């Protein structure tokens, strides 16, 4: 629906502002007001939410960028699994395999999920 689309786009702008602000503060030398203006001018966040976001990025350089890189990588892993498994792809089994070992470096996660895909291919069909 248009309302749902607006919500999705609002969240995408929020995430984009996170990346811009994190980079602006820690790479471009932005002051707090410049980062605040980025959120204020480009998102639907309330002033309180903006301040909460900024405090997080001030205290945790690179967090927003790392979060986005992780999202991109996880989407790629899922796409690979969906492509290789086709109709055998089960999102619940995928999530279980993805999360069972807890946080992992991306290279280890890729190896883990490659093994899982191979195991799923070898598993007898339901």
PDB file of N, CA and C in Angstrom:
ATOM      1  N   UNK A   1       0.846  -1.182   0.000  1.00  0.00           N
ATOM      2  CA  UNK A   1       0.000   0.000   0.000  1.00  0.00           C
ATOM      3  C   UNK A   1       0.889   1.242   0.000  1.00  0.00           C
ATOM      4  N   UNK A   2       0.345   2.376  -0.364  1.00  0.00           N
ATOM      5  CA  UNK A   2       1.147   3.607  -0.301  1.00  0.00           C
ATOM      6  C   UNK A   2       1.669   3.890   1.108  1.00  0.00           C
ATOM      7  N   UNK A   3       0.882   3.591   2.118  1.00  0.00           N
ATOM      8  CA  UNK A   3       1.315   3.816   3.499  1.00  0.00           C
ATOM      9  C   UNK A   3       2.511   2.936   3.845  1.00  0.00           C
ATOM     10  N   UNK A   4       2.444   1.670   3.447  1.00  0.00           N
ATOM     11  CA  UNK A   4       3.557   0.750   3.701  1.00  0.00           C
ATOM     12  C   UNK A   4       4.802   1.169   2.916  1.00  0.00           C
ATOM     13  N   UNK A   5       4.606   1.614   1.706  1.00  0.00           N
ATOM     14  CA  UNK A   5       5.740   2.082   0.890  1.00  0.00           C
ATOM     15  C   UNK A   5       6.397   3.296   1.542  1.00  0.00           C
ATOM     16  N   UNK A   6       5.591   4.215   2.052  1.00  0.00           N
ATOM     17  CA  UNK A   6       6.129   5.372   2.748  1.00  0.00           C
ATOM     18  C   UNK A   6       6.967   4.924   3.949  1.00  0.00           C
ATOM     19  N   UNK A   7       6.453   3.956   4.702  1.00  0.00           N
ATOM     20  CA  UNK A   7       7.190   3.446   5.851  1.00  0.00           C
ATOM     21  C   UNK A   7       8.519   2.834   5.449  1.00  0.00           C
ATOM     22  N   UNK A   8       8.509   2.042   4.390  1.00  0.00           N
ATOM     23  CA  UNK A   8       9.749   1.422   3.915  1.00  0.00           C
ATOM     24  C   UNK A   8      10.747   2.485   3.485  1.00  0.00           C
ATOM     25  N   UNK A   9      10.277   3.456   2.715  1.00  0.00           N
ATOM     26  CA  UNK A   9      11.172   4.520   2.254  1.00  0.00           C
ATOM     27  C   UNK A   9      11.690   5.363   3.417  1.00  0.00           C
ATOM     28  N   UNK A  10      10.854   5.582   4.417  1.00  0.00           N
ATOM     29  CA  UNK A  10      11.295   6.335   5.596  1.00  0.00           C
ATOM     30  C   UNK A  10      12.428   5.611   6.311  1.00  0.00           C
ATOM     31  N   UNK A  11      12.298   4.292   6.454  1.00  0.00           N
ATOM     32  CA  UNK A  11      13.366   3.522   7.090  1.00  0.00           C
ATOM     33  C   UNK A  11      14.632   3.514   6.245  1.00  0.00           C
ATOM     34  N   UNK A  12      14.481   3.466   4.924  1.00  0.00           N
ATOM     35  CA  UNK A  12      15.664   3.516   4.068  1.00  0.00           C
ATOM     36  C   UNK A  12      16.383   4.850   4.207  1.00  0.00           C
ATOM     37  N   UNK A  13      15.634   5.935   4.307  1.00  0.00           N
ATOM     38  CA  UNK A  13      16.261   7.247   4.500  1.00  0.00           C
ATOM     39  C   UNK A  13      16.952   7.316   5.855  1.00  0.00           C
ATOM     40  N   UNK A  14      16.349   6.733   6.866  1.00  0.00           N
ATOM     41  CA  UNK A  14      16.956   6.692   8.195  1.00  0.00           C
ATOM     42  C   UNK A  14      18.305   5.991   8.115  1.00  0.00           C
ATOM     43  N   UNK A  15      18.312   4.828   7.445  1.00  0.00           N
ATOM     44  CA  UNK A  15      19.568   4.090   7.319  1.00  0.00           C
ATOM     45  C   UNK A  15      20.604   4.866   6.518  1.00  0.00           C
ATOM     46  N   UNK A  16      20.155   5.551   5.475  1.00  0.00           N
ATOM     47  CA  UNK A  16      21.084   6.358   4.684  1.00  0.00           C
ATOM     48  C   UNK A  16      21.671   7.492   5.528  1.00  0.00           C
ATOM     49  N   UNK A  17      20.835   8.116   6.326  1.00  0.00           N
ATOM     50  CA  UNK A  17      21.325   9.190   7.203  1.00  0.00           C
ATOM     51  C   UNK A  17      22.329   8.659   8.219  1.00  0.00           C
ATOM     52  N   UNK A  18      22.127   7.438   8.669  1.00  0.00           N
ATOM     53  CA  UNK A  18      23.092   6.830   9.584  1.00  0.00           C
ATOM     54  C   UNK A  18      24.469   6.775   8.941  1.00  0.00           C
ATOM     55  N   UNK A  19      24.506   6.276   7.708  1.00  0.00           N
ATOM     56  CA  UNK A  19      25.785   6.144   7.007  1.00  0.00           C
ATOM     57  C   UNK A  19      26.427   7.496   6.759  1.00  0.00           C
ATOM     58  N   UNK A  20      25.631   8.451   6.306  1.00  0.00           N
ATOM     59  CA  UNK A  20      26.167   9.777   6.005  1.00  0.00           C
ATOM     60  C   UNK A  20      26.663  10.452   7.278  1.00  0.00           C
ATOM     61  N   UNK A  21      25.898  10.359   8.349  1.00  0.00           N
ATOM     62  CA  UNK A  21      26.296  11.011   9.598  1.00  0.00           C
ATOM     63  C   UNK A  21      27.538  10.363  10.198  1.00  0.00           C
ATOM     64  N   UNK A  22      27.571   9.046  10.227  1.00  0.00           N
ATOM     65  CA  UNK A  22      28.726   8.338  10.769  1.00  0.00           C
ATOM     66  C   UNK A  22      29.992   8.740   9.999  1.00  0.00           C
ATOM     67  N   UNK A  23      29.905   8.710   8.694  1.00  0.00           N
ATOM     68  CA  UNK A  23      31.037   9.102   7.863  1.00  0.00           C
ATOM     69  C   UNK A  23      31.349  10.588   8.015  1.00  0.00           C
ATOM     70  N   UNK A  24      30.310  11.408   8.049  1.00  0.00           N
ATOM     71  CA  UNK A  24      30.513  12.848   8.199  1.00  0.00           C
ATOM     72  C   UNK A  24      31.239  13.201   9.482  1.00  0.00           C
ATOM     73  N   UNK A  25      30.813  12.600  10.583  1.00  0.00           N
ATOM     74  CA  UNK A  25      31.422  12.890  11.885  1.00  0.00           C
ATOM     75  C   UNK A  25      32.867  12.412  11.940  1.00  0.00           C
ATOM     76  N   UNK A  26      33.083  11.164  11.534  1.00  0.00           N
ATOM     77  CA  UNK A  26      34.386  10.540  11.780  1.00  0.00           C
ATOM     78  C   UNK A  26      35.373  10.647  10.626  1.00  0.00           C
ATOM     79  N   UNK A  27      34.931  11.009   9.442  1.00  0.00           N
ATOM     80  CA  UNK A  27      35.844  11.127   8.320  1.00  0.00           C
ATOM     81  C   UNK A  27      35.917  12.555   7.794  1.00  0.00           C
ATOM     82  N   UNK A  28      34.740  13.197   7.731  1.00  0.00           N
ATOM     83  CA  UNK A  28      34.685  14.532   7.145  1.00  0.00           C
ATOM     84  C   UNK A  28      34.818  15.647   8.185  1.00  0.00           C
ATOM     85  N   UNK A  29      34.846  15.271   9.455  1.00  0.00           N
ATOM     86  CA  UNK A  29      35.024  16.265  10.503  1.00  0.00           C
ATOM     87  C   UNK A  29      33.787  17.101  10.809  1.00  0.00           C
ATOM     88  N   UNK A  30      32.596  16.542  10.513  1.00  0.00           N
ATOM     89  CA  UNK A  30      31.366  17.265  10.808  1.00  0.00           C
ATOM     90  C   UNK A  30      31.244  17.531  12.299  1.00  0.00           C
ATOM     91  N   UNK A  31      30.624  18.654  12.619  1.00  0.00           N
ATOM     92  CA  UNK A  31      30.251  18.893  14.007  1.00  0.00           C
ATOM     93  C   UNK A  31      28.863  18.302  14.236  1.00  0.00           C
ATOM     94  N   UNK A  32      28.421  18.318  15.460  1.00  0.00           N
ATOM     95  CA  UNK A  32      27.145  17.708  15.821  1.00  0.00           C
ATOM     96  C   UNK A  32      25.980  18.345  15.081  1.00  0.00           C
ATOM     97  N   UNK A  33      26.005  19.639  14.885  1.00  0.00           N
ATOM     98  CA  UNK A  33      24.896  20.308  14.193  1.00  0.00           C
ATOM     99  C   UNK A  33      24.808  19.885  12.733  1.00  0.00           C
ATOM    100  N   UNK A  34      25.924  19.680  12.081  1.00  0.00           N
ATOM    101  CA  UNK A  34      25.891  19.210  10.694  1.00  0.00           C
ATOM    102  C   UNK A  34      25.267  17.817  10.612  1.00  0.00           C
ATOM    103  N   UNK A  35      25.652  16.949  11.523  1.00  0.00           N
ATOM    104  CA  UNK A  35      25.083  15.598  11.539  1.00  0.00           C
ATOM    105  C   UNK A  35      23.599  15.641  11.886  1.00  0.00           C
ATOM    106  N   UNK A  36      23.245  16.485  12.831  1.00  0.00           N
ATOM    107  CA  UNK A  36      21.840  16.642  13.224  1.00  0.00           C
ATOM    108  C   UNK A  36      21.010  17.120  12.018  1.00  0.00           C
ATOM    109  N   UNK A  37      21.545  18.078  11.265  1.00  0.00           N
ATOM    110  CA  UNK A  37      20.848  18.610  10.095  1.00  0.00           C
ATOM    111  C   UNK A  37      20.627  17.535   9.039  1.00  0.00           C
ATOM    112  N   UNK A  38      21.583  16.639   8.899  1.00  0.00           N
ATOM    113  CA  UNK A  38      21.425  15.540   7.943  1.00  0.00           C
ATOM    114  C   UNK A  38      20.167  14.740   8.258  1.00  0.00           C
ATOM    115  N   UNK A  39      19.999  14.348   9.517  1.00  0.00           N
ATOM    116  CA  UNK A  39      18.805  13.605   9.926  1.00  0.00           C
ATOM    117  C   UNK A  39      17.555  14.472   9.810  1.00  0.00           C
ATOM    118  N   UNK A  40      17.637  15.678  10.311  1.00  0.00           N
ATOM    119  CA  UNK A  40      16.463  16.555  10.339  1.00  0.00           C
ATOM    120  C   UNK A  40      15.953  16.834   8.923  1.00  0.00           C
ATOM    121  N   UNK A  41      16.860  17.079   7.989  1.00  0.00           N
ATOM    122  CA  UNK A  41      16.480  17.462   6.639  1.00  0.00           C
ATOM    123  C   UNK A  41      16.123  16.286   5.739  1.00  0.00           C
ATOM    124  N   UNK A  42      16.505  15.094   6.135  1.00  0.00           N
ATOM    125  CA  UNK A  42      16.353  13.950   5.227  1.00  0.00           C
ATOM    126  C   UNK A  42      15.634  12.744   5.812  1.00  0.00           C
ATOM    127  N   UNK A  43      15.088  12.866   7.004  1.00  0.00           N
ATOM    128  CA  UNK A  43      14.376  11.725   7.589  1.00  0.00           C
ATOM    129  C   UNK A  43      13.136  12.219   8.315  1.00  0.00           C
ATOM    130  N   UNK A  44      12.325  11.263   8.709  1.00  0.00           N
ATOM    131  CA  UNK A  44      11.103  11.577   9.452  1.00  0.00           C
ATOM    132  C   UNK A  44      11.304  11.350  10.955  1.00  0.00           C
ATOM    133  N   UNK A  45      12.543  11.267  11.412  1.00  0.00           N
ATOM    134  CA  UNK A  45      12.817  11.007  12.822  1.00  0.00           C
ATOM    135  C   UNK A  45      12.468  12.209  13.688  1.00  0.00           C
ATOM    136  N   UNK A  46      12.041  11.900  14.894  1.00  0.00           N
ATOM    137  CA  UNK A  46      11.770  12.950  15.875  1.00  0.00           C
ATOM    138  C   UNK A  46      13.099  13.492  16.401  1.00  0.00           C
ATOM    139  N   UNK A  47      13.094  14.689  16.964  1.00  0.00           N
ATOM    140  CA  UNK A  47      14.335  15.229  17.542  1.00  0.00           C
ATOM    141  C   UNK A  47      14.970  14.295  18.572  1.00  0.00           C
ATOM    142  N   UNK A  48      14.160  13.646  19.404  1.00  0.00           N
ATOM    143  CA  UNK A  48      14.708  12.711  20.395  1.00  0.00           C
ATOM    144  C   UNK A  48      15.404  11.544  19.718  1.00  0.00           C
ATOM    145  N   UNK A  49      14.785  10.971  18.681  1.00  0.00           N
ATOM    146  CA  UNK A  49      15.408   9.859  17.961  1.00  0.00           C
ATOM    147  C   UNK A  49      16.700  10.291  17.280  1.00  0.00           C
ATOM    148  N   UNK A  50      16.722  11.503  16.753  1.00  0.00           N
ATOM    149  CA  UNK A  50      17.932  12.011  16.119  1.00  0.00           C
ATOM    150  C   UNK A  50      19.064  12.086  17.139  1.00  0.00           C
ATOM    151  N   UNK A  51      18.781  12.618  18.310  1.00  0.00           N
ATOM    152  CA  UNK A  51      19.819  12.729  19.343  1.00  0.00           C
ATOM    153  C   UNK A  51      20.312  11.358  19.781  1.00  0.00           C
ATOM    154  N   UNK A  52      19.390  10.416  19.918  1.00  0.00           N
ATOM    155  CA  UNK A  52      19.778   9.049  20.294  1.00  0.00           C
ATOM    156  C   UNK A  52      20.705   8.447  19.240  1.00  0.00           C
ATOM    157  N   UNK A  53      20.335   8.605  17.975  1.00  0.00           N
ATOM    158  CA  UNK A  53      21.175   8.103  16.888  1.00  0.00           C
ATOM    159  C   UNK A  53      22.559   8.745  16.938  1.00  0.00           C
ATOM    160  N   UNK A  54      22.595  10.049  17.065  1.00  0.00           N
ATOM    161  CA  UNK A  54      23.884  10.751  17.043  1.00  0.00           C
ATOM    162  C   UNK A  54      24.781  10.345  18.204  1.00  0.00           C
ATOM    163  N   UNK A  55      24.215  10.147  19.365  1.00  0.00           N
ATOM    164  CA  UNK A  55      25.033   9.724  20.504  1.00  0.00           C
ATOM    165  C   UNK A  55      25.663   8.361  20.228  1.00  0.00           C
ATOM    166  N   UNK A  56      24.919   7.497  19.568  1.00  0.00           N
ATOM    167  CA  UNK A  56      25.457   6.180  19.235  1.00  0.00           C
ATOM    168  C   UNK A  56      26.625   6.301  18.259  1.00  0.00           C
ATOM    169  N   UNK A  57      26.480   7.128  17.230  1.00  0.00           N
ATOM    170  CA  UNK A  57      27.531   7.227  16.223  1.00  0.00           C
ATOM    171  C   UNK A  57      28.739   7.996  16.732  1.00  0.00           C
ATOM    172  N   UNK A  58      28.535   8.938  17.614  1.00  0.00           N
ATOM    173  CA  UNK A  58      29.669   9.650  18.199  1.00  0.00           C
ATOM    174  C   UNK A  58      30.516   8.678  19.020  1.00  0.00           C
ATOM    175  N   UNK A  59      29.860   7.820  19.768  1.00  0.00           N
ATOM    176  CA  UNK A  59      30.562   6.906  20.660  1.00  0.00           C
ATOM    177  C   UNK A  59      31.020   5.612  20.022  1.00  0.00           C
ATOM    178  N   UNK A  60      30.587   5.342  18.798  1.00  0.00           N
ATOM    179  CA  UNK A  60      30.897   4.056  18.176  1.00  0.00           C
ATOM    180  C   UNK A  60      31.222   4.280  16.702  1.00  0.00           C
ATOM    181  N   UNK A  61      32.391   4.839  16.404  1.00  0.00           N
ATOM    182  CA  UNK A  61      32.751   5.135  15.017  1.00  0.00           C
ATOM    183  C   UNK A  61      32.678   3.897  14.126  1.00  0.00           C
ATOM    184  N   UNK A  62      32.105   4.078  12.952  1.00  0.00           N
ATOM    185  CA  UNK A  62      32.020   2.994  11.979  1.00  0.00           C
ATOM    186  C   UNK A  62      30.870   2.039  12.193  1.00  0.00           C
ATOM    187  N   UNK A  63      30.100   2.201  13.263  1.00  0.00           N
ATOM    188  CA  UNK A  63      29.026   1.255  13.568  1.00  0.00           C
ATOM    189  C   UNK A  63      27.995   1.214  12.447  1.00  0.00           C
ATOM    190  N   UNK A  64      27.572   2.367  11.958  1.00  0.00           N
ATOM    191  CA  UNK A  64      26.553   2.393  10.913  1.00  0.00           C
ATOM    192  C   UNK A  64      27.072   1.749   9.630  1.00  0.00           C
ATOM    193  N   UNK A  65      28.309   2.009   9.320  1.00  0.00           N
ATOM    194  CA  UNK A  65      28.908   1.436   8.117  1.00  0.00           C
ATOM    195  C   UNK A  65      29.035  -0.082   8.253  1.00  0.00           C
ATOM    196  N   UNK A  66      29.483  -0.535   9.404  1.00  0.00           N
ATOM    197  CA  UNK A  66      29.597  -1.979   9.637  1.00  0.00           C
ATOM    198  C   UNK A  66      28.231  -2.654   9.562  1.00  0.00           C
ATOM    199  N   UNK A  67      27.221  -2.013  10.112  1.00  0.00           N
ATOM    200  CA  UNK A  67      25.855  -2.542  10.083  1.00  0.00           C
ATOM    201  C   UNK A  67      25.391  -2.716   8.639  1.00  0.00           C
ATOM    202  N   UNK A  68      25.643  -1.710   7.810  1.00  0.00           N
ATOM    203  CA  UNK A  68      25.214  -1.765   6.405  1.00  0.00           C
ATOM    204  C   UNK A  68      25.989  -2.823   5.638  1.00  0.00           C
ATOM    205  N   UNK A  69      27.284  -2.913   5.878  1.00  0.00           N
ATOM    206  CA  UNK A  69      28.086  -3.940   5.212  1.00  0.00           C
ATOM    207  C   UNK A  69      27.561  -5.328   5.589  1.00  0.00           C
ATOM    208  N   UNK A  70      27.230  -5.517   6.858  1.00  0.00           N
ATOM    209  CA  UNK A  70      26.660  -6.786   7.297  1.00  0.00           C
ATOM    210  C   UNK A  70      25.345  -7.082   6.610  1.00  0.00           C
ATOM    211  N   UNK A  71      24.491  -6.084   6.500  1.00  0.00           N
ATOM    212  CA  UNK A  71      23.204  -6.275   5.820  1.00  0.00           C
ATOM    213  C   UNK A  71      23.423  -6.715   4.373  1.00  0.00           C
ATOM    214  N   UNK A  72      24.309  -6.029   3.680  1.00  0.00           N
ATOM    215  CA  UNK A  72      24.577  -6.361   2.280  1.00  0.00           C
ATOM    216  C   UNK A  72      25.103  -7.790   2.163  1.00  0.00           C
ATOM    217  N   UNK A  73      26.003  -8.169   3.054  1.00  0.00           N
ATOM    218  CA  UNK A  73      26.580  -9.510   3.011  1.00  0.00           C
ATOM    219  C   UNK A  73      25.529 -10.573   3.308  1.00  0.00           C
ATOM    220  N   UNK A  74      24.684 -10.334   4.311  1.00  0.00           N
ATOM    221  CA  UNK A  74      23.650 -11.313   4.654  1.00  0.00           C
ATOM    222  C   UNK A  74      22.647 -11.473   3.520  1.00  0.00           C
ATOM    223  N   UNK A  75      22.309 -10.391   2.855  1.00  0.00           N
ATOM    224  CA  UNK A  75      21.412 -10.489   1.696  1.00  0.00           C
ATOM    225  C   UNK A  75      22.054 -11.310   0.580  1.00  0.00           C
ATOM    226  N   UNK A  76      23.351 -11.131   0.388  1.00  0.00           N
ATOM    227  CA  UNK A  76      24.060 -11.889  -0.641  1.00  0.00           C
ATOM    228  C   UNK A  76      24.078 -13.381  -0.296  1.00  0.00           C
ATOM    229  N   UNK A  77      24.308 -13.702   0.959  1.00  0.00           N
ATOM    230  CA  UNK A  77      24.308 -15.106   1.400  1.00  0.00           C
ATOM    231  C   UNK A  77      22.934 -15.715   1.161  1.00  0.00           C
ATOM    232  N   UNK A  78      21.894 -14.983   1.514  1.00  0.00           N
ATOM    233  CA  UNK A  78      20.541 -15.507   1.312  1.00  0.00           C
ATOM    234  C   UNK A  78      20.245 -15.681  -0.179  1.00  0.00           C
ATOM    235  N   UNK A  79      20.616 -14.717  -0.994  1.00  0.00           N
ATOM    236  CA  UNK A  79      20.389 -14.830  -2.439  1.00  0.00           C
ATOM    237  C   UNK A  79      21.101 -16.049  -3.005  1.00  0.00           C
ATOM    238  N   UNK A  80      22.353 -16.272  -2.546  1.00  0.00           N
ATOM    239  CA  UNK A  80      23.108 -17.436  -3.001  1.00  0.00           C
ATOM    240  C   UNK A  80      22.390 -18.724  -2.609  1.00  0.00           C
ATOM    241  N   UNK A  81      21.914 -18.790  -1.378  1.00  0.00           N
ATOM    242  CA  UNK A  81      21.198 -19.985  -0.913  1.00  0.00           C
ATOM    243  C   UNK A  81      19.911 -20.191  -1.705  1.00  0.00           C
ATOM    244  N   UNK A  82      19.163 -19.132  -1.915  1.00  0.00           N
ATOM    245  CA  UNK A  82      17.915 -19.243  -2.684  1.00  0.00           C
ATOM    246  C   UNK A  82      18.191 -19.714  -4.110  1.00  0.00           C
ATOM    247  N   UNK A  83      19.216 -19.149  -4.723  1.00  0.00           N
ATOM    248  CA  UNK A  83      19.561 -19.505  -6.101  1.00  0.00           C
ATOM    249  C   UNK A  83      20.004 -20.973  -6.194  1.00  0.00           C
ATOM    250  N   UNK A  84      20.883 -21.390  -5.273  1.00  0.00           N
ATOM    251  CA  UNK A  84      21.423 -22.746  -5.353  1.00  0.00           C
ATOM    252  C   UNK A  84      20.433 -23.819  -4.909  1.00  0.00           C
ATOM    253  N   UNK A  85      19.548 -23.465  -3.994  1.00  0.00           N
ATOM    254  CA  UNK A  85      18.605 -24.463  -3.477  1.00  0.00           C
ATOM    255  C   UNK A  85      17.258 -24.438  -4.186  1.00  0.00           C
ATOM    256  N   UNK A  86      16.951 -23.349  -4.848  1.00  0.00           N
ATOM    257  CA  UNK A  86      15.682 -23.271  -5.575  1.00  0.00           C
ATOM    258  C   UNK A  86      14.490 -23.548  -4.669  1.00  0.00           C
ATOM    259  N   UNK A  87      13.636 -24.477  -5.103  1.00  0.00           N
ATOM    260  CA  UNK A  87      12.426 -24.817  -4.339  1.00  0.00           C
ATOM    261  C   UNK A  87      12.738 -25.457  -2.991  1.00  0.00           C
ATOM    262  N   UNK A  88      13.951 -25.925  -2.815  1.00  0.00           N
ATOM    263  CA  UNK A  88      14.332 -26.563  -1.548  1.00  0.00           C
ATOM    264  C   UNK A  88      14.729 -25.541  -0.488  1.00  0.00           C
ATOM    265  N   UNK A  89      14.841 -24.275  -0.875  1.00  0.00           N
ATOM    266  CA  UNK A  89      15.194 -23.238   0.096  1.00  0.00           C
ATOM    267  C   UNK A  89      14.074 -23.109   1.122  1.00  0.00           C
ATOM    268  N   UNK A  90      14.460 -23.171   2.400  1.00  0.00           N
ATOM    269  CA  UNK A  90      13.521 -23.011   3.512  1.00  0.00           C
ATOM    270  C   UNK A  90      14.055 -21.882   4.392  1.00  0.00           C
ATOM    271  N   UNK A  91      13.322 -20.792   4.461  1.00  0.00           N
ATOM    272  CA  UNK A  91      13.812 -19.611   5.171  1.00  0.00           C
ATOM    273  C   UNK A  91      14.045 -19.893   6.654  1.00  0.00           C
ATOM    274  N   UNK A  92      13.238 -20.746   7.258  1.00  0.00           N
ATOM    275  CA  UNK A  92      13.445 -21.057   8.674  1.00  0.00           C
ATOM    276  C   UNK A  92      14.734 -21.845   8.887  1.00  0.00           C
ATOM    277  N   UNK A  93      14.975 -22.822   8.032  1.00  0.00           N
ATOM    278  CA  UNK A  93      16.222 -23.588   8.132  1.00  0.00           C
ATOM    279  C   UNK A  93      17.424 -22.683   7.848  1.00  0.00           C
ATOM    280  N   UNK A  94      17.255 -21.778   6.893  1.00  0.00           N
ATOM    281  CA  UNK A  94      18.312 -20.821   6.570  1.00  0.00           C
ATOM    282  C   UNK A  94      18.648 -19.968   7.790  1.00  0.00           C
ATOM    283  N   UNK A  95      17.637 -19.400   8.417  1.00  0.00           N
ATOM    284  CA  UNK A  95      17.880 -18.553   9.588  1.00  0.00           C
ATOM    285  C   UNK A  95      18.507 -19.335  10.732  1.00  0.00           C
ATOM    286  N   UNK A  96      18.054 -20.567  10.940  1.00  0.00           N
ATOM    287  CA  UNK A  96      18.665 -21.396  11.981  1.00  0.00           C
ATOM    288  C   UNK A  96      20.155 -21.587  11.709  1.00  0.00           C
ATOM    289  N   UNK A  97      20.487 -21.932  10.464  1.00  0.00           N
ATOM    290  CA  UNK A  97      21.888 -22.158  10.100  1.00  0.00           C
ATOM    291  C   UNK A  97      22.702 -20.871  10.217  1.00  0.00           C
ATOM    292  N   UNK A  98      22.106 -19.772   9.849  1.00  0.00           N
ATOM    293  CA  UNK A  98      22.790 -18.487   9.889  1.00  0.00           C
ATOM    294  C   UNK A  98      23.119 -18.060  11.315  1.00  0.00           C
ATOM    295  N   UNK A  99      22.233 -18.350  12.247  1.00  0.00           N
ATOM    296  CA  UNK A  99      22.354 -17.833  13.604  1.00  0.00           C
ATOM    297  C   UNK A  99      22.927 -18.814  14.625  1.00  0.00           C
ATOM    298  N   UNK A 100      22.998 -20.090  14.296  1.00  0.00           N
ATOM    299  CA  UNK A 100      23.330 -21.115  15.288  1.00  0.00           C
ATOM    300  C   UNK A 100      24.698 -20.907  15.949  1.00  0.00           C
ATOM    301  N   UNK A 101      25.683 -20.403  15.203  1.00  0.00           N
ATOM    302  CA  UNK A 101      27.023 -20.231  15.763  1.00  0.00           C
ATOM    303  C   UNK A 101      27.249 -18.856  16.377  1.00  0.00           C
ATOM    304  N   UNK A 102      26.225 -18.038  16.404  1.00  0.00           N
ATOM    305  CA  UNK A 102      26.370 -16.692  16.955  1.00  0.00           C
ATOM    306  C   UNK A 102      27.157 -15.797  16.017  1.00  0.00           C
ATOM    307  N   UNK A 103      27.684 -14.699  16.548  1.00  0.00           N
ATOM    308  CA  UNK A 103      28.420 -13.765  15.693  1.00  0.00           C
ATOM    309  C   UNK A 103      29.698 -14.392  15.149  1.00  0.00           C
ATOM    310  N   UNK A 104      29.911 -14.219  13.856  1.00  0.00           N
ATOM    311  CA  UNK A 104      31.106 -14.754  13.196  1.00  0.00           C
ATOM    312  C   UNK A 104      31.690 -13.692  12.277  1.00  0.00           C
ATOM    313  N   UNK A 105      32.998 -13.729  12.072  1.00  0.00           N
ATOM    314  CA  UNK A 105      33.572 -12.889  11.017  1.00  0.00           C
ATOM    315  C   UNK A 105      32.939 -13.291   9.674  1.00  0.00           C
ATOM    316  N   UNK A 106      32.838 -12.347   8.782  1.00  0.00           N
ATOM    317  CA  UNK A 106      32.134 -12.600   7.516  1.00  0.00           C
ATOM    318  C   UNK A 106      32.717 -13.777   6.734  1.00  0.00           C
ATOM    319  N   UNK A 107      34.027 -13.917   6.699  1.00  0.00           N
ATOM    320  CA  UNK A 107      34.635 -15.025   5.956  1.00  0.00           C
ATOM    321  C   UNK A 107      34.211 -16.375   6.544  1.00  0.00           C
ATOM    322  N   UNK A 108      34.158 -16.473   7.862  1.00  0.00           N
ATOM    323  CA  UNK A 108      33.718 -17.719   8.494  1.00  0.00           C
ATOM    324  C   UNK A 108      32.232 -17.957   8.265  1.00  0.00           C
ATOM    325  N   UNK A 109      31.448 -16.897   8.280  1.00  0.00           N
ATOM    326  CA  UNK A 109      30.015 -17.041   8.011  1.00  0.00           C
ATOM    327  C   UNK A 109      29.804 -17.564   6.588  1.00  0.00           C
ATOM    328  N   UNK A 110      30.555 -17.024   5.632  1.00  0.00           N
ATOM    329  CA  UNK A 110      30.443 -17.510   4.256  1.00  0.00           C
ATOM    330  C   UNK A 110      30.775 -18.995   4.169  1.00  0.00           C
ATOM    331  N   UNK A 111      31.862 -19.407   4.819  1.00  0.00           N
ATOM    332  CA  UNK A 111      32.232 -20.827   4.821  1.00  0.00           C
ATOM    333  C   UNK A 111      31.139 -21.676   5.454  1.00  0.00           C
ATOM    334  N   UNK A 112      30.636 -21.203   6.586  1.00  0.00           N
ATOM    335  CA  UNK A 112      29.577 -21.939   7.297  1.00  0.00           C
ATOM    336  C   UNK A 112      28.351 -22.101   6.415  1.00  0.00           C
ATOM    337  N   UNK A 113      27.962 -21.031   5.748  1.00  0.00           N
ATOM    338  CA  UNK A 113      26.752 -21.096   4.933  1.00  0.00           C
ATOM    339  C   UNK A 113      26.978 -21.873   3.641  1.00  0.00           C
ATOM    340  N   UNK A 114      28.190 -21.868   3.100  1.00  0.00           N
ATOM    341  CA  UNK A 114      28.496 -22.717   1.945  1.00  0.00           C
ATOM    342  C   UNK A 114      28.349 -24.187   2.321  1.00  0.00           C
ATOM    343  N   UNK A 115      28.838 -24.547   3.511  1.00  0.00           N
ATOM    344  CA  UNK A 115      28.673 -25.936   3.983  1.00  0.00           C
ATOM    345  C   UNK A 115      27.198 -26.264   4.148  1.00  0.00           C
ATOM    346  N   UNK A 116      26.436 -25.319   4.716  1.00  0.00           N
ATOM    347  CA  UNK A 116      25.008 -25.555   4.925  1.00  0.00           C
ATOM    348  C   UNK A 116      24.299 -25.763   3.585  1.00  0.00           C
ATOM    349  N   UNK A 117      24.618 -24.945   2.605  1.00  0.00           N
ATOM    350  CA  UNK A 117      23.989 -25.101   1.289  1.00  0.00           C
ATOM    351  C   UNK A 117      24.297 -26.480   0.721  1.00  0.00           C
ATOM    352  N   UNK A 118      25.546 -26.914   0.833  1.00  0.00           N
ATOM    353  CA  UNK A 118      25.925 -28.249   0.348  1.00  0.00           C
ATOM    354  C   UNK A 118      25.169 -29.337   1.104  1.00  0.00           C
ATOM    355  N   UNK A 119      25.044 -29.178   2.414  1.00  0.00           N
ATOM    356  CA  UNK A 119      24.294 -30.153   3.219  1.00  0.00           C
ATOM    357  C   UNK A 119      22.817 -30.182   2.818  1.00  0.00           C
ATOM    358  N   UNK A 120      22.264 -29.021   2.557  1.00  0.00           N
ATOM    359  CA  UNK A 120      20.858 -28.951   2.149  1.00  0.00           C
ATOM    360  C   UNK A 120      20.647 -29.613   0.792  1.00  0.00           C
ATOM    361  N   UNK A 121      21.603 -29.444  -0.116  1.00  0.00           N
ATOM    362  CA  UNK A 121      21.510 -30.081  -1.421  1.00  0.00           C
ATOM    363  C   UNK A 121      21.552 -31.601  -1.296  1.00  0.00           C
ATOM    364  N   UNK A 122      22.350 -32.092  -0.340  1.00  0.00           N
ATOM    365  CA  UNK A 122      22.518 -33.540  -0.153  1.00  0.00           C
ATOM    366  C   UNK A 122      21.397 -34.154   0.674  1.00  0.00           C
ATOM    367  N   UNK A 123      20.652 -33.331   1.383  1.00  0.00           N
ATOM    368  CA  UNK A 123      19.581 -33.815   2.254  1.00  0.00           C
ATOM    369  C   UNK A 123      18.431 -34.384   1.408  1.00  0.00           C
ATOM    370  N   UNK A 124      17.896 -35.543   1.793  1.00  0.00           N
ATOM    371  CA  UNK A 124      16.758 -36.087   1.050  1.00  0.00           C
ATOM    372  C   UNK A 124      15.592 -35.094   1.041  1.00  0.00           C
ATOM    373  N   UNK A 125      14.902 -35.039  -0.075  1.00  0.00           N
ATOM    374  CA  UNK A 125      13.747 -34.130  -0.185  1.00  0.00           C
ATOM    375  C   UNK A 125      12.667 -34.556   0.791  1.00  0.00           C
ATOM    376  N   UNK A 126      11.926 -33.566   1.264  1.00  0.00           N
ATOM    377  CA  UNK A 126      10.831 -33.846   2.227  1.00  0.00           C
ATOM    378  C   UNK A 126       9.701 -34.588   1.577  1.00  0.00           C
TER     379      UNK A 126
END
